[in-house]
């Protein structure tokens, strides 16, 4: 499984792929990945998270990047859905880490 692309997220958001939008969406995906990894509190790579649960990791990236697209400051914090996915991915990552 591959990590979500800028094109996939732009299609999901129904956004025209102008140069500015491509740059913004790429940046938001990178920000989402950084926030997710920070919340997991392990030194993990994209490849490791994709292996642990690629579908969940990609959905979480898309969800968080979408939240950032519409509210760069996340003024209301993470949505409940984001928190559920983040908690599940974190527990799966920690469980894999404990097994090693």
PDB file of N, CA and C in Angstrom:
ATOM      1  N   UNK A   1       0.849  -1.183   0.000  1.00  0.00           N
ATOM      2  CA  UNK A   1       0.000   0.000   0.000  1.00  0.00           C
ATOM      3  C   UNK A   1       0.888   1.238   0.000  1.00  0.00           C
ATOM      4  N   UNK A   2       0.481   2.227  -0.770  1.00  0.00           N
ATOM      5  CA  UNK A   2       1.211   3.483  -0.852  1.00  0.00           C
ATOM      6  C   UNK A   2       0.537   4.548  -0.014  1.00  0.00           C
ATOM      7  N   UNK A   3       1.297   5.552   0.340  1.00  0.00           N
ATOM      8  CA  UNK A   3       0.769   6.663   1.123  1.00  0.00           C
ATOM      9  C   UNK A   3      -0.117   7.536   0.225  1.00  0.00           C
ATOM     10  N   UNK A   4      -1.088   8.156   0.831  1.00  0.00           N
ATOM     11  CA  UNK A   4      -2.020   9.017   0.106  1.00  0.00           C
ATOM     12  C   UNK A   4      -1.247  10.094  -0.659  1.00  0.00           C
ATOM     13  N   UNK A   5      -1.721  10.376  -1.855  1.00  0.00           N
ATOM     14  CA  UNK A   5      -1.075  11.393  -2.685  1.00  0.00           C
ATOM     15  C   UNK A   5      -1.874  12.688  -2.662  1.00  0.00           C
ATOM     16  N   UNK A   6      -1.202  13.728  -3.107  1.00  0.00           N
ATOM     17  CA  UNK A   6      -1.847  15.027  -3.213  1.00  0.00           C
ATOM     18  C   UNK A   6      -3.028  14.960  -4.181  1.00  0.00           C
ATOM     19  N   UNK A   7      -2.862  14.215  -5.261  1.00  0.00           N
ATOM     20  CA  UNK A   7      -3.927  14.094  -6.261  1.00  0.00           C
ATOM     21  C   UNK A   7      -5.164  13.401  -5.672  1.00  0.00           C
ATOM     22  N   UNK A   8      -4.933  12.344  -4.875  1.00  0.00           N
ATOM     23  CA  UNK A   8      -6.056  11.642  -4.242  1.00  0.00           C
ATOM     24  C   UNK A   8      -6.827  12.559  -3.320  1.00  0.00           C
ATOM     25  N   UNK A   9      -6.093  13.307  -2.496  1.00  0.00           N
ATOM     26  CA  UNK A   9      -6.766  14.192  -1.551  1.00  0.00           C
ATOM     27  C   UNK A   9      -7.477  15.326  -2.278  1.00  0.00           C
ATOM     28  N   UNK A  10      -6.869  15.873  -3.320  1.00  0.00           N
ATOM     29  CA  UNK A  10      -7.511  16.942  -4.087  1.00  0.00           C
ATOM     30  C   UNK A  10      -8.809  16.449  -4.713  1.00  0.00           C
ATOM     31  N   UNK A  11      -8.801  15.218  -5.215  1.00  0.00           N
ATOM     32  CA  UNK A  11     -10.016  14.639  -5.796  1.00  0.00           C
ATOM     33  C   UNK A  11     -11.080  14.479  -4.720  1.00  0.00           C
ATOM     34  N   UNK A  12     -10.678  13.973  -3.558  1.00  0.00           N
ATOM     35  CA  UNK A  12     -11.638  13.792  -2.468  1.00  0.00           C
ATOM     36  C   UNK A  12     -12.221  15.123  -2.005  1.00  0.00           C
ATOM     37  N   UNK A  13     -11.394  16.159  -2.007  1.00  0.00           N
ATOM     38  CA  UNK A  13     -11.856  17.484  -1.595  1.00  0.00           C
ATOM     39  C   UNK A  13     -12.569  18.229  -2.718  1.00  0.00           C
ATOM     40  N   UNK A  14     -12.529  17.663  -3.933  1.00  0.00           N
ATOM     41  CA  UNK A  14     -13.109  18.291  -5.105  1.00  0.00           C
ATOM     42  C   UNK A  14     -12.478  19.664  -5.360  1.00  0.00           C
ATOM     43  N   UNK A  15     -11.142  19.676  -5.326  1.00  0.00           N
ATOM     44  CA  UNK A  15     -10.374  20.899  -5.490  1.00  0.00           C
ATOM     45  C   UNK A  15      -9.681  20.873  -6.846  1.00  0.00           C
ATOM     46  N   UNK A  16      -9.702  21.991  -7.545  1.00  0.00           N
ATOM     47  CA  UNK A  16      -8.977  22.100  -8.811  1.00  0.00           C
ATOM     48  C   UNK A  16      -7.479  22.101  -8.527  1.00  0.00           C
ATOM     49  N   UNK A  17      -6.730  21.412  -9.358  1.00  0.00           N
ATOM     50  CA  UNK A  17      -5.297  21.272  -9.134  1.00  0.00           C
ATOM     51  C   UNK A  17      -4.506  22.429  -9.744  1.00  0.00           C
ATOM     52  N   UNK A  18      -4.686  23.611  -9.183  1.00  0.00           N
ATOM     53  CA  UNK A  18      -3.850  24.741  -9.551  1.00  0.00           C
ATOM     54  C   UNK A  18      -2.511  24.572  -8.847  1.00  0.00           C
ATOM     55  N   UNK A  19      -1.522  25.300  -9.275  1.00  0.00           N
ATOM     56  CA  UNK A  19      -0.200  25.227  -8.651  1.00  0.00           C
ATOM     57  C   UNK A  19      -0.281  25.557  -7.160  1.00  0.00           C
ATOM     58  N   UNK A  20      -1.068  26.559  -6.826  1.00  0.00           N
ATOM     59  CA  UNK A  20      -1.208  26.968  -5.428  1.00  0.00           C
ATOM     60  C   UNK A  20      -1.874  25.875  -4.591  1.00  0.00           C
ATOM     61  N   UNK A  21      -2.932  25.296  -5.144  1.00  0.00           N
ATOM     62  CA  UNK A  21      -3.646  24.242  -4.413  1.00  0.00           C
ATOM     63  C   UNK A  21      -2.780  22.993  -4.249  1.00  0.00           C
ATOM     64  N   UNK A  22      -2.017  22.641  -5.284  1.00  0.00           N
ATOM     65  CA  UNK A  22      -1.140  21.476  -5.187  1.00  0.00           C
ATOM     66  C   UNK A  22      -0.112  21.680  -4.076  1.00  0.00           C
ATOM     67  N   UNK A  23       0.432  22.869  -4.016  1.00  0.00           N
ATOM     68  CA  UNK A  23       1.409  23.194  -2.979  1.00  0.00           C
ATOM     69  C   UNK A  23       0.780  23.148  -1.591  1.00  0.00           C
ATOM     70  N   UNK A  24      -0.402  23.717  -1.475  1.00  0.00           N
ATOM     71  CA  UNK A  24      -1.104  23.733  -0.183  1.00  0.00           C
ATOM     72  C   UNK A  24      -1.435  22.317   0.275  1.00  0.00           C
ATOM     73  N   UNK A  25      -1.996  21.513  -0.590  1.00  0.00           N
ATOM     74  CA  UNK A  25      -2.401  20.159  -0.218  1.00  0.00           C
ATOM     75  C   UNK A  25      -1.186  19.307   0.126  1.00  0.00           C
ATOM     76  N   UNK A  26      -0.111  19.441  -0.627  1.00  0.00           N
ATOM     77  CA  UNK A  26       1.114  18.705  -0.319  1.00  0.00           C
ATOM     78  C   UNK A  26       1.617  19.083   1.070  1.00  0.00           C
ATOM     79  N   UNK A  27       1.621  20.363   1.372  1.00  0.00           N
ATOM     80  CA  UNK A  27       2.056  20.836   2.682  1.00  0.00           C
ATOM     81  C   UNK A  27       1.154  20.314   3.799  1.00  0.00           C
ATOM     82  N   UNK A  28      -0.153  20.301   3.557  1.00  0.00           N
ATOM     83  CA  UNK A  28      -1.090  19.821   4.576  1.00  0.00           C
ATOM     84  C   UNK A  28      -0.935  18.325   4.826  1.00  0.00           C
ATOM     85  N   UNK A  29      -0.644  17.560   3.787  1.00  0.00           N
ATOM     86  CA  UNK A  29      -0.394  16.121   3.962  1.00  0.00           C
ATOM     87  C   UNK A  29       0.847  15.925   4.827  1.00  0.00           C
ATOM     88  N   UNK A  30       1.899  16.678   4.542  1.00  0.00           N
ATOM     89  CA  UNK A  30       3.131  16.570   5.341  1.00  0.00           C
ATOM     90  C   UNK A  30       2.879  16.982   6.790  1.00  0.00           C
ATOM     91  N   UNK A  31       2.095  18.035   6.986  1.00  0.00           N
ATOM     92  CA  UNK A  31       1.749  18.470   8.345  1.00  0.00           C
ATOM     93  C   UNK A  31       0.945  17.410   9.073  1.00  0.00           C
ATOM     94  N   UNK A  32      -0.011  16.812   8.384  1.00  0.00           N
ATOM     95  CA  UNK A  32      -0.830  15.761   8.987  1.00  0.00           C
ATOM     96  C   UNK A  32       0.039  14.582   9.400  1.00  0.00           C
ATOM     97  N   UNK A  33       0.956  14.161   8.536  1.00  0.00           N
ATOM     98  CA  UNK A  33       1.840  13.043   8.867  1.00  0.00           C
ATOM     99  C   UNK A  33       2.696  13.373  10.087  1.00  0.00           C
ATOM    100  N   UNK A  34       3.207  14.597  10.154  1.00  0.00           N
ATOM    101  CA  UNK A  34       4.022  15.007  11.300  1.00  0.00           C
ATOM    102  C   UNK A  34       3.213  15.009  12.597  1.00  0.00           C
ATOM    103  N   UNK A  35       1.986  15.510  12.533  1.00  0.00           N
ATOM    104  CA  UNK A  35       1.126  15.517  13.723  1.00  0.00           C
ATOM    105  C   UNK A  35       0.803  14.100  14.188  1.00  0.00           C
ATOM    106  N   UNK A  36       0.536  13.216  13.249  1.00  0.00           N
ATOM    107  CA  UNK A  36       0.215  11.825  13.580  1.00  0.00           C
ATOM    108  C   UNK A  36       1.410  11.151  14.245  1.00  0.00           C
ATOM    109  N   UNK A  37       2.575  11.297  13.644  1.00  0.00           N
ATOM    110  CA  UNK A  37       3.782  10.669  14.202  1.00  0.00           C
ATOM    111  C   UNK A  37       4.102  11.234  15.576  1.00  0.00           C
ATOM    112  N   UNK A  38       3.893  12.522  15.754  1.00  0.00           N
ATOM    113  CA  UNK A  38       4.135  13.148  17.048  1.00  0.00           C
ATOM    114  C   UNK A  38       3.186  12.602  18.113  1.00  0.00           C
ATOM    115  N   UNK A  39       1.944  12.379  17.732  1.00  0.00           N
ATOM    116  CA  UNK A  39       0.948  11.855  18.675  1.00  0.00           C
ATOM    117  C   UNK A  39       1.230  10.404  19.043  1.00  0.00           C
ATOM    118  N   UNK A  40       1.799   9.661  18.111  1.00  0.00           N
ATOM    119  CA  UNK A  40       2.111   8.254  18.380  1.00  0.00           C
ATOM    120  C   UNK A  40       3.281   8.140  19.348  1.00  0.00           C
ATOM    121  N   UNK A  41       4.181   9.128  19.321  1.00  0.00           N
ATOM    122  CA  UNK A  41       5.312   9.201  20.243  1.00  0.00           C
ATOM    123  C   UNK A  41       6.288   8.051  20.090  1.00  0.00           C
ATOM    124  N   UNK A  42       6.412   7.561  18.873  1.00  0.00           N
ATOM    125  CA  UNK A  42       7.434   6.573  18.537  1.00  0.00           C
ATOM    126  C   UNK A  42       8.196   7.109  17.341  1.00  0.00           C
ATOM    127  N   UNK A  43       9.407   6.660  17.194  1.00  0.00           N
ATOM    128  CA  UNK A  43      10.168   7.028  16.003  1.00  0.00           C
ATOM    129  C   UNK A  43       9.789   6.061  14.896  1.00  0.00           C
ATOM    130  N   UNK A  44       8.695   6.366  14.196  1.00  0.00           N
ATOM    131  CA  UNK A  44       8.178   5.481  13.151  1.00  0.00           C
ATOM    132  C   UNK A  44       8.227   6.174  11.799  1.00  0.00           C
ATOM    133  N   UNK A  45       8.310   5.382  10.770  1.00  0.00           N
ATOM    134  CA  UNK A  45       8.327   5.898   9.405  1.00  0.00           C
ATOM    135  C   UNK A  45       6.954   5.693   8.766  1.00  0.00           C
ATOM    136  N   UNK A  46       6.761   6.350   7.639  1.00  0.00           N
ATOM    137  CA  UNK A  46       5.529   6.145   6.883  1.00  0.00           C
ATOM    138  C   UNK A  46       5.394   4.671   6.502  1.00  0.00           C
ATOM    139  N   UNK A  47       6.488   4.076   6.079  1.00  0.00           N
ATOM    140  CA  UNK A  47       6.467   2.682   5.655  1.00  0.00           C
ATOM    141  C   UNK A  47       6.029   1.759   6.795  1.00  0.00           C
ATOM    142  N   UNK A  48       6.515   2.024   8.002  1.00  0.00           N
ATOM    143  CA  UNK A  48       6.128   1.201   9.150  1.00  0.00           C
ATOM    144  C   UNK A  48       4.644   1.372   9.465  1.00  0.00           C
ATOM    145  N   UNK A  49       4.153   2.597   9.418  1.00  0.00           N
ATOM    146  CA  UNK A  49       2.736   2.829   9.707  1.00  0.00           C
ATOM    147  C   UNK A  49       1.848   2.238   8.621  1.00  0.00           C
ATOM    148  N   UNK A  50       2.302   2.295   7.384  1.00  0.00           N
ATOM    149  CA  UNK A  50       1.535   1.668   6.302  1.00  0.00           C
ATOM    150  C   UNK A  50       1.473   0.157   6.487  1.00  0.00           C
ATOM    151  N   UNK A  51       2.553  -0.412   6.980  1.00  0.00           N
ATOM    152  CA  UNK A  51       2.588  -1.854   7.212  1.00  0.00           C
ATOM    153  C   UNK A  51       1.701  -2.242   8.395  1.00  0.00           C
ATOM    154  N   UNK A  52       1.673  -1.419   9.427  1.00  0.00           N
ATOM    155  CA  UNK A  52       0.865  -1.698  10.614  1.00  0.00           C
ATOM    156  C   UNK A  52      -0.614  -1.656  10.261  1.00  0.00           C
ATOM    157  N   UNK A  53      -1.039  -0.565   9.610  1.00  0.00           N
ATOM    158  CA  UNK A  53      -2.438  -0.431   9.193  1.00  0.00           C
ATOM    159  C   UNK A  53      -2.529   0.694   8.170  1.00  0.00           C
ATOM    160  N   UNK A  54      -2.205   0.366   6.934  1.00  0.00           N
ATOM    161  CA  UNK A  54      -2.150   1.357   5.866  1.00  0.00           C
ATOM    162  C   UNK A  54      -3.463   2.061   5.598  1.00  0.00           C
ATOM    163  N   UNK A  55      -4.555   1.321   5.631  1.00  0.00           N
ATOM    164  CA  UNK A  55      -5.862   1.943   5.367  1.00  0.00           C
ATOM    165  C   UNK A  55      -6.198   2.986   6.424  1.00  0.00           C
ATOM    166  N   UNK A  56      -5.946   2.647   7.675  1.00  0.00           N
ATOM    167  CA  UNK A  56      -6.230   3.587   8.763  1.00  0.00           C
ATOM    168  C   UNK A  56      -5.295   4.790   8.692  1.00  0.00           C
ATOM    169  N   UNK A  57      -4.017   4.555   8.454  1.00  0.00           N
ATOM    170  CA  UNK A  57      -3.047   5.655   8.375  1.00  0.00           C
ATOM    171  C   UNK A  57      -3.425   6.616   7.249  1.00  0.00           C
ATOM    172  N   UNK A  58      -3.733   6.097   6.080  1.00  0.00           N
ATOM    173  CA  UNK A  58      -4.117   6.961   4.959  1.00  0.00           C
ATOM    174  C   UNK A  58      -5.400   7.719   5.239  1.00  0.00           C
ATOM    175  N   UNK A  59      -6.399   7.074   5.817  1.00  0.00           N
ATOM    176  CA  UNK A  59      -7.656   7.754   6.147  1.00  0.00           C
ATOM    177  C   UNK A  59      -7.397   8.851   7.175  1.00  0.00           C
ATOM    178  N   UNK A  60      -6.543   8.572   8.144  1.00  0.00           N
ATOM    179  CA  UNK A  60      -6.223   9.564   9.168  1.00  0.00           C
ATOM    180  C   UNK A  60      -5.491  10.752   8.551  1.00  0.00           C
ATOM    181  N   UNK A  61      -4.558  10.505   7.651  1.00  0.00           N
ATOM    182  CA  UNK A  61      -3.875  11.598   6.951  1.00  0.00           C
ATOM    183  C   UNK A  61      -4.890  12.442   6.193  1.00  0.00           C
ATOM    184  N   UNK A  62      -5.768  11.790   5.440  1.00  0.00           N
ATOM    185  CA  UNK A  62      -6.774  12.518   4.661  1.00  0.00           C
ATOM    186  C   UNK A  62      -7.688  13.338   5.574  1.00  0.00           C
ATOM    187  N   UNK A  63      -8.126  12.732   6.654  1.00  0.00           N
ATOM    188  CA  UNK A  63      -9.057  13.407   7.567  1.00  0.00           C
ATOM    189  C   UNK A  63      -8.403  14.617   8.223  1.00  0.00           C
ATOM    190  N   UNK A  64      -7.184  14.430   8.699  1.00  0.00           N
ATOM    191  CA  UNK A  64      -6.493  15.530   9.371  1.00  0.00           C
ATOM    192  C   UNK A  64      -6.097  16.618   8.374  1.00  0.00           C
ATOM    193  N   UNK A  65      -5.633  16.237   7.194  1.00  0.00           N
ATOM    194  CA  UNK A  65      -5.286  17.231   6.170  1.00  0.00           C
ATOM    195  C   UNK A  65      -6.526  18.009   5.732  1.00  0.00           C
ATOM    196  N   UNK A  66      -7.659  17.335   5.649  1.00  0.00           N
ATOM    197  CA  UNK A  66      -8.913  18.014   5.306  1.00  0.00           C
ATOM    198  C   UNK A  66      -9.285  19.020   6.386  1.00  0.00           C
ATOM    199  N   UNK A  67      -9.165  18.616   7.642  1.00  0.00           N
ATOM    200  CA  UNK A  67      -9.438  19.548   8.748  1.00  0.00           C
ATOM    201  C   UNK A  67      -8.522  20.765   8.659  1.00  0.00           C
ATOM    202  N   UNK A  68      -7.247  20.532   8.360  1.00  0.00           N
ATOM    203  CA  UNK A  68      -6.298  21.632   8.227  1.00  0.00           C
ATOM    204  C   UNK A  68      -6.598  22.500   7.005  1.00  0.00           C
ATOM    205  N   UNK A  69      -7.112  21.898   5.959  1.00  0.00           N
ATOM    206  CA  UNK A  69      -7.447  22.648   4.744  1.00  0.00           C
ATOM    207  C   UNK A  69      -8.513  23.702   5.052  1.00  0.00           C
ATOM    208  N   UNK A  70      -9.503  23.319   5.827  1.00  0.00           N
ATOM    209  CA  UNK A  70     -10.606  24.225   6.114  1.00  0.00           C
ATOM    210  C   UNK A  70     -10.381  25.083   7.354  1.00  0.00           C
ATOM    211  N   UNK A  71      -9.466  24.672   8.221  1.00  0.00           N
ATOM    212  CA  UNK A  71      -9.199  25.422   9.456  1.00  0.00           C
ATOM    213  C   UNK A  71      -7.740  25.196   9.842  1.00  0.00           C
ATOM    214  N   UNK A  72      -6.848  26.022   9.297  1.00  0.00           N
ATOM    215  CA  UNK A  72      -5.410  25.832   9.489  1.00  0.00           C
ATOM    216  C   UNK A  72      -4.995  25.836  10.959  1.00  0.00           C
ATOM    217  N   UNK A  73      -5.753  26.487  11.789  1.00  0.00           N
ATOM    218  CA  UNK A  73      -5.410  26.574  13.204  1.00  0.00           C
ATOM    219  C   UNK A  73      -6.049  25.473  14.042  1.00  0.00           C
ATOM    220  N   UNK A  74      -6.873  24.642  13.428  1.00  0.00           N
ATOM    221  CA  UNK A  74      -7.622  23.611  14.170  1.00  0.00           C
ATOM    222  C   UNK A  74      -8.235  24.221  15.424  1.00  0.00           C
ATOM    223  N   UNK A  75      -8.982  25.302  15.230  1.00  0.00           N
ATOM    224  CA  UNK A  75      -9.522  26.052  16.363  1.00  0.00           C
ATOM    225  C   UNK A  75     -10.397  25.220  17.287  1.00  0.00           C
ATOM    226  N   UNK A  76     -11.015  24.175  16.755  1.00  0.00           N
ATOM    227  CA  UNK A  76     -11.832  23.299  17.602  1.00  0.00           C
ATOM    228  C   UNK A  76     -11.073  22.039  18.002  1.00  0.00           C
ATOM    229  N   UNK A  77      -9.793  21.994  17.690  1.00  0.00           N
ATOM    230  CA  UNK A  77      -9.002  20.809  18.009  1.00  0.00           C
ATOM    231  C   UNK A  77      -9.268  19.699  17.002  1.00  0.00           C
ATOM    232  N   UNK A  78      -8.876  18.493  17.368  1.00  0.00           N
ATOM    233  CA  UNK A  78      -9.125  17.334  16.510  1.00  0.00           C
ATOM    234  C   UNK A  78     -10.583  16.930  16.615  1.00  0.00           C
ATOM    235  N   UNK A  79     -11.143  16.488  15.500  1.00  0.00           N
ATOM    236  CA  UNK A  79     -12.514  15.978  15.530  1.00  0.00           C
ATOM    237  C   UNK A  79     -12.548  14.653  16.294  1.00  0.00           C
ATOM    238  N   UNK A  80     -13.734  14.238  16.668  1.00  0.00           N
ATOM    239  CA  UNK A  80     -13.880  12.950  17.364  1.00  0.00           C
ATOM    240  C   UNK A  80     -13.415  11.802  16.485  1.00  0.00           C
ATOM    241  N   UNK A  81     -13.738  11.869  15.204  1.00  0.00           N
ATOM    242  CA  UNK A  81     -13.308  10.829  14.274  1.00  0.00           C
ATOM    243  C   UNK A  81     -11.792  10.745  14.187  1.00  0.00           C
ATOM    244  N   UNK A  82     -11.144  11.910  14.121  1.00  0.00           N
ATOM    245  CA  UNK A  82      -9.682  11.944  14.094  1.00  0.00           C
ATOM    246  C   UNK A  82      -9.118  11.335  15.366  1.00  0.00           C
ATOM    247  N   UNK A  83      -9.685  11.674  16.489  1.00  0.00           N
ATOM    248  CA  UNK A  83      -9.199  11.137  17.774  1.00  0.00           C
ATOM    249  C   UNK A  83      -9.364   9.620  17.841  1.00  0.00           C
ATOM    250  N   UNK A  84     -10.478   9.108  17.368  1.00  0.00           N
ATOM    251  CA  UNK A  84     -10.699   7.659  17.366  1.00  0.00           C
ATOM    252  C   UNK A  84      -9.654   6.971  16.491  1.00  0.00           C
ATOM    253  N   UNK A  85      -9.469   7.488  15.274  1.00  0.00           N
ATOM    254  CA  UNK A  85      -8.488   6.879  14.375  1.00  0.00           C
ATOM    255  C   UNK A  85      -7.074   6.982  14.927  1.00  0.00           C
ATOM    256  N   UNK A  86      -6.740   8.132  15.506  1.00  0.00           N
ATOM    257  CA  UNK A  86      -5.409   8.338  16.056  1.00  0.00           C
ATOM    258  C   UNK A  86      -5.155   7.398  17.238  1.00  0.00           C
ATOM    259  N   UNK A  87      -6.136   7.251  18.089  1.00  0.00           N
ATOM    260  CA  UNK A  87      -6.014   6.337  19.225  1.00  0.00           C
ATOM    261  C   UNK A  87      -5.822   4.904  18.754  1.00  0.00           C
ATOM    262  N   UNK A  88      -6.601   4.496  17.760  1.00  0.00           N
ATOM    263  CA  UNK A  88      -6.464   3.135  17.241  1.00  0.00           C
ATOM    264  C   UNK A  88      -5.109   2.908  16.593  1.00  0.00           C
ATOM    265  N   UNK A  89      -4.669   3.845  15.761  1.00  0.00           N
ATOM    266  CA  UNK A  89      -3.376   3.679  15.100  1.00  0.00           C
ATOM    267  C   UNK A  89      -2.247   3.696  16.124  1.00  0.00           C
ATOM    268  N   UNK A  90      -2.343   4.579  17.100  1.00  0.00           N
ATOM    269  CA  UNK A  90      -1.313   4.659  18.144  1.00  0.00           C
ATOM    270  C   UNK A  90      -1.240   3.348  18.920  1.00  0.00           C
ATOM    271  N   UNK A  91      -2.381   2.791  19.282  1.00  0.00           N
ATOM    272  CA  UNK A  91      -2.369   1.541  20.040  1.00  0.00           C
ATOM    273  C   UNK A  91      -1.828   0.403  19.205  1.00  0.00           C
ATOM    274  N   UNK A  92      -2.144   0.375  17.908  1.00  0.00           N
ATOM    275  CA  UNK A  92      -1.596  -0.656  17.037  1.00  0.00           C
ATOM    276  C   UNK A  92      -0.078  -0.490  16.908  1.00  0.00           C
ATOM    277  N   UNK A  93       0.377   0.744  16.760  1.00  0.00           N
ATOM    278  CA  UNK A  93       1.826   1.007  16.634  1.00  0.00           C
ATOM    279  C   UNK A  93       2.548   0.646  17.911  1.00  0.00           C
ATOM    280  N   UNK A  94       1.976   0.989  19.046  1.00  0.00           N
ATOM    281  CA  UNK A  94       2.607   0.641  20.326  1.00  0.00           C
ATOM    282  C   UNK A  94       2.592  -0.871  20.546  1.00  0.00           C
ATOM    283  N   UNK A  95       1.531  -1.526  20.129  1.00  0.00           N
ATOM    284  CA  UNK A  95       1.463  -2.968  20.258  1.00  0.00           C
ATOM    285  C   UNK A  95       2.521  -3.654  19.420  1.00  0.00           C
ATOM    286  N   UNK A  96       2.748  -3.163  18.218  1.00  0.00           N
ATOM    287  CA  UNK A  96       3.797  -3.717  17.362  1.00  0.00           C
ATOM    288  C   UNK A  96       5.149  -3.438  17.982  1.00  0.00           C
ATOM    289  N   UNK A  97       5.309  -2.235  18.539  1.00  0.00           N
ATOM    290  CA  UNK A  97       6.589  -1.869  19.156  1.00  0.00           C
ATOM    291  C   UNK A  97       6.887  -2.772  20.348  1.00  0.00           C
ATOM    292  N   UNK A  98       5.855  -3.111  21.132  1.00  0.00           N
ATOM    293  CA  UNK A  98       6.036  -3.990  22.303  1.00  0.00           C
ATOM    294  C   UNK A  98       6.419  -5.407  21.907  1.00  0.00           C
ATOM    295  N   UNK A  99       5.977  -5.825  20.726  1.00  0.00           N
ATOM    296  CA  UNK A  99       6.242  -7.185  20.279  1.00  0.00           C
ATOM    297  C   UNK A  99       7.666  -7.372  19.791  1.00  0.00           C
ATOM    298  N   UNK A 100       8.330  -6.284  19.436  1.00  0.00           N
ATOM    299  CA  UNK A 100       9.685  -6.381  18.874  1.00  0.00           C
ATOM    300  C   UNK A 100      10.717  -6.559  19.949  1.00  0.00           C
TER     301      UNK A 100
END
